[in-house]
Protein backbone atom coordinates (compact mmCIF):
# COMPACT_ATOMS: atom_id res chain seq x y z
CA MET A 1 11.72 -31.65 -2.58
CA THR A 2 12.41 -28.74 -4.94
CA GLY A 3 10.11 -26.25 -3.28
CA ARG A 4 8.54 -25.42 -6.66
CA ALA A 5 4.81 -24.75 -6.89
CA PRO A 6 2.71 -27.39 -8.67
CA LEU A 7 2.49 -27.02 -12.46
CA ARG A 8 -1.15 -25.87 -12.33
CA GLU A 9 -0.27 -23.05 -9.91
CA ARG A 10 2.68 -21.97 -12.05
CA LYS A 11 0.46 -21.81 -15.13
CA GLN A 12 -2.12 -19.77 -13.24
CA GLN A 13 0.57 -17.38 -12.01
CA ARG A 14 1.94 -16.96 -15.54
CA ALA A 15 -1.54 -16.24 -16.90
CA ARG A 16 -2.12 -13.64 -14.19
CA GLU A 17 1.24 -12.00 -14.88
CA GLN A 18 0.51 -11.93 -18.61
CA ILE A 19 -2.77 -10.13 -17.95
CA VAL A 20 -1.12 -7.53 -15.72
CA HIS A 21 1.73 -6.96 -18.16
CA ALA A 22 -0.63 -6.64 -21.12
CA ALA A 23 -2.92 -4.27 -19.25
CA PHE A 24 -0.15 -1.90 -18.22
CA GLU A 25 1.24 -1.88 -21.76
CA LEU A 26 -2.17 -0.97 -23.16
CA PHE A 27 -2.83 1.65 -20.49
CA ALA A 28 0.49 3.30 -21.38
CA GLU A 29 -0.25 3.16 -25.10
CA ARG A 30 -3.89 4.25 -25.18
CA GLY A 31 -4.83 5.59 -21.77
CA PHE A 32 -6.85 3.78 -19.13
CA GLY A 33 -10.26 4.91 -20.38
CA GLU A 34 -9.69 3.64 -23.91
CA VAL A 35 -8.78 0.07 -22.93
CA THR A 36 -11.40 -2.65 -22.50
CA VAL A 37 -11.25 -6.01 -20.79
CA SER A 38 -11.43 -7.62 -24.24
CA ASP A 39 -8.40 -5.59 -25.34
CA ILE A 40 -6.43 -6.79 -22.33
CA ALA A 41 -7.45 -10.43 -22.80
CA GLU A 42 -6.52 -10.33 -26.48
CA ARG A 43 -3.10 -8.77 -25.81
CA ALA A 44 -2.45 -11.30 -23.02
CA GLU A 45 -3.62 -14.14 -25.30
CA VAL A 46 -6.22 -15.38 -22.83
CA GLY A 47 -10.00 -15.52 -22.90
CA ARG A 48 -12.33 -13.11 -21.12
CA THR A 49 -13.31 -15.97 -18.80
CA THR A 50 -9.67 -16.33 -17.77
CA PHE A 51 -9.42 -12.59 -17.17
CA PHE A 52 -12.42 -12.62 -14.83
CA ARG A 53 -11.03 -15.64 -13.01
CA TYR A 54 -8.32 -13.33 -11.63
CA PHE A 55 -9.82 -9.84 -11.72
CA GLY A 56 -13.29 -8.41 -11.19
CA ASP A 57 -12.70 -5.51 -13.59
CA LYS A 58 -9.90 -3.64 -15.32
CA GLN A 59 -9.49 -1.32 -12.33
CA GLU A 60 -8.44 -4.24 -10.17
CA VAL A 61 -5.59 -5.05 -12.56
CA VAL A 62 -4.02 -1.71 -11.61
CA PHE A 63 -3.88 -2.89 -7.99
CA ALA A 64 -2.72 -6.44 -8.73
CA ASP A 65 -0.99 -8.01 -5.72
CA GLU A 66 -1.37 -4.87 -3.57
CA GLN A 67 -4.24 -6.23 -1.50
CA ASP A 68 -2.32 -9.44 -0.81
CA LEU A 69 0.68 -7.33 0.24
CA LEU A 70 -1.40 -5.14 2.56
CA ASP A 71 -3.11 -8.18 4.09
CA ALA A 72 0.25 -9.87 4.72
CA LEU A 73 1.71 -6.74 6.30
CA ALA A 74 -1.36 -6.24 8.48
CA GLU A 75 -0.97 -9.81 9.76
CA ARG A 76 2.75 -9.24 10.35
CA HIS A 77 1.90 -6.07 12.27
CA ARG A 78 -0.62 -7.97 14.38
CA ALA A 79 1.98 -10.60 15.26
CA SER A 80 4.55 -7.96 16.24
CA LEU A 81 2.35 -5.96 18.59
CA THR A 82 3.31 -5.51 22.21
CA SER A 83 0.64 -5.53 24.88
CA ALA A 84 -1.31 -2.26 25.19
CA PRO A 85 1.06 -0.10 23.09
CA ASP A 86 1.09 3.64 23.71
CA LEU A 87 1.09 6.11 20.82
CA ASP A 88 4.88 6.13 20.36
CA GLN A 89 5.04 2.33 20.36
CA ALA A 90 2.09 2.04 17.99
CA LEU A 91 3.59 4.53 15.54
CA ALA A 92 6.97 2.78 15.62
CA GLN A 93 5.36 -0.56 14.80
CA ILE A 94 3.19 0.83 12.00
CA ARG A 95 6.16 2.74 10.61
CA LEU A 96 7.92 -0.57 9.97
CA ALA A 97 4.89 -1.91 8.10
CA VAL A 98 4.54 1.24 5.99
CA LEU A 99 8.23 1.27 5.05
CA ALA A 100 7.93 -2.40 4.08
CA VAL A 101 5.07 -1.44 1.75
CA CYS A 102 7.25 1.27 0.20
CA ALA A 103 10.13 -1.13 -0.38
CA GLU A 104 7.87 -3.73 -1.96
CA VAL A 105 5.92 -1.46 -4.32
CA THR A 106 9.08 0.21 -5.66
CA LYS A 107 11.00 -3.00 -6.41
CA ASP A 108 9.87 -2.73 -10.04
CA ALA A 109 10.63 0.93 -10.73
CA GLU A 110 8.95 1.15 -14.14
CA HIS A 111 5.78 -0.55 -12.92
CA PHE A 112 5.65 1.86 -9.97
CA ARG A 113 5.94 4.89 -12.28
CA ARG A 114 3.15 3.61 -14.53
CA HIS A 115 0.97 2.81 -11.53
CA GLU A 116 1.37 6.27 -10.00
CA LYS A 117 0.72 7.94 -13.37
CA LEU A 118 -2.50 5.96 -13.77
CA LEU A 119 -3.71 7.02 -10.32
CA ARG A 120 -2.79 10.66 -10.97
CA GLU A 121 -4.60 10.79 -14.31
CA ASN A 122 -7.71 8.77 -13.39
CA PRO A 123 -9.78 9.95 -10.41
CA GLU A 124 -11.64 6.65 -10.14
CA LEU A 125 -8.35 4.80 -9.69
CA HIS A 126 -7.09 7.39 -7.23
CA ASP A 127 -10.26 6.97 -5.18
CA ARG A 128 -10.05 3.17 -5.23
CA GLY A 129 -6.43 3.32 -4.13
CA ASN A 130 -7.36 5.58 -1.24
CA ARG A 131 -10.14 3.21 -0.19
CA LYS A 132 -7.69 0.31 -0.12
CA LEU A 133 -5.29 2.28 2.08
CA GLN A 134 -8.13 3.31 4.36
CA ARG A 135 -9.18 -0.33 4.78
CA PHE A 136 -5.58 -1.10 5.69
CA THR A 137 -5.66 1.53 8.44
CA GLU A 138 -8.95 0.07 9.72
CA THR A 139 -7.29 -3.34 9.99
CA ILE A 140 -4.37 -1.81 11.89
CA THR A 141 -6.84 -0.07 14.20
CA ALA A 142 -8.50 -3.42 14.91
CA ASN A 143 -5.08 -4.96 15.60
CA LEU A 144 -4.27 -2.22 18.10
CA ARG A 145 -7.60 -2.57 19.88
CA GLU A 146 -7.08 -6.31 20.13
CA ALA A 147 -3.65 -5.67 21.67
CA GLY A 148 -5.19 -3.46 24.34
CA ALA A 149 -4.36 0.00 23.01
CA THR A 150 -6.62 2.81 24.13
CA PRO A 151 -9.36 3.89 21.68
CA LEU A 152 -7.45 7.13 21.04
CA VAL A 153 -4.18 5.35 20.20
CA ALA A 154 -5.96 2.72 18.08
CA ALA A 155 -7.74 5.40 16.03
CA LEU A 156 -4.98 8.01 15.84
CA ALA A 157 -1.80 6.03 15.16
CA PRO A 158 -2.92 4.46 11.84
CA GLN A 159 -4.26 7.79 10.55
CA LEU A 160 -1.01 9.57 11.42
CA ALA A 161 0.92 6.82 9.64
CA LEU A 162 -1.32 7.15 6.58
CA ALA A 163 -0.71 10.92 6.56
CA CYS A 164 3.05 10.28 6.63
CA PHE A 165 2.74 7.84 3.74
CA ASN A 166 0.68 10.27 1.66
CA ALA A 167 3.05 13.15 2.44
CA GLY A 168 6.05 11.05 1.46
CA ARG A 169 4.30 9.93 -1.70
CA GLN A 170 3.68 13.55 -2.66
CA LEU A 171 7.24 14.60 -1.84
CA GLY A 172 8.65 11.63 -3.77
CA GLU A 173 7.02 12.93 -6.97
CA GLU A 174 6.46 9.43 -8.37
CA ASP A 175 10.19 8.63 -8.19
CA PRO A 176 10.54 5.04 -6.89
CA GLY A 177 14.01 5.85 -5.62
CA ARG A 178 12.68 8.59 -3.35
CA LEU A 179 9.50 7.10 -1.93
CA THR A 180 10.92 5.22 1.05
CA GLY A 181 13.21 8.09 2.08
CA SER A 182 10.42 10.65 1.74
CA VAL A 183 8.01 8.59 3.83
CA GLU A 184 10.68 7.99 6.45
CA ALA A 185 11.40 11.74 6.54
CA ALA A 186 7.69 12.40 7.16
CA PHE A 187 7.68 9.98 10.10
CA THR A 188 10.84 11.61 11.46
CA ALA A 189 9.29 15.07 11.18
CA LEU A 190 6.18 13.84 13.00
CA GLY A 191 8.35 12.46 15.77
CA ALA A 192 10.22 15.75 16.07
CA VAL A 193 6.97 17.69 16.35
CA ARG A 194 5.66 15.34 19.03
CA SER A 195 8.93 15.60 20.97
CA ASP A 196 8.78 19.39 20.80
CA VAL A 197 5.18 19.41 22.02
CA ASP A 198 6.03 17.04 24.87
CA GLY A 199 9.00 19.25 25.81
CA ARG A 200 6.86 22.38 25.90
CA ARG A 201 4.24 20.59 27.98
CA GLY A 202 6.92 19.53 30.45
CA GLN A 203 8.18 23.12 30.74
CA ASP A 204 4.66 24.37 31.37
CA GLU A 205 4.17 21.81 34.10
CA VAL A 206 7.40 22.93 35.79
CA LEU A 207 6.34 26.56 35.62
C-alpha cells in the first residue's frame, strides 16, 4: 500500500489545480472583470465542460478549497466541544479553529496576497467571502447548541470570533506573515476587555 490516490483522482486534482492557477494568473494580468470562463479554460488547457465540473462560475475559483477547509474545521470544532460550554470555553474552542484557518490560508503567501487583493478590488467577491464566513459562524452556532450551550453563548461566541478574525485581517494589511498574529492579538484584546468588565462587576457587587 503506497497511500497514493487512484490515477483518476490524481488527474482530476491536477485539472482542478491547473484551473485555479490559470485563473489567478489571468486575474492578476487583466483584472477579475475582464476574464471569462473561456479564458480560464483556454489558459488551463481544459474544456469549458471540465471547468464547470469543478466550479459553478469564475467567482468560485477565487474561493477554491476554502469551503472544504471551513467544513473540515467546523467538524473538528464539533468533535472538540465540551458539554454545555460557557462563553469563555466556547470562545477558546472557536479561537483554535479560527487560528487554524489563518495558518492554512497563508501557507501559500503569494496566493493569499492575490486572493485578498481580488476581494478588496471586487465588491461581489468581498460579499461572497463574507457570506461564506457567515455560514461558517452559523455552523459553529449549531454545534454549540447541540453541545448544550445557552442560546446567548451559541449566538454570541461565533460572532465575537468572526469580529476578531475581521479585525486581525484588517490589521494584517494583506500580509500573510501577520494574519495569524493579528487575529490572535484581537482575541487577546477581547479577553482582556472581558476580564476587565468581570473585575469591575465583581467590585460593584462587593460595594
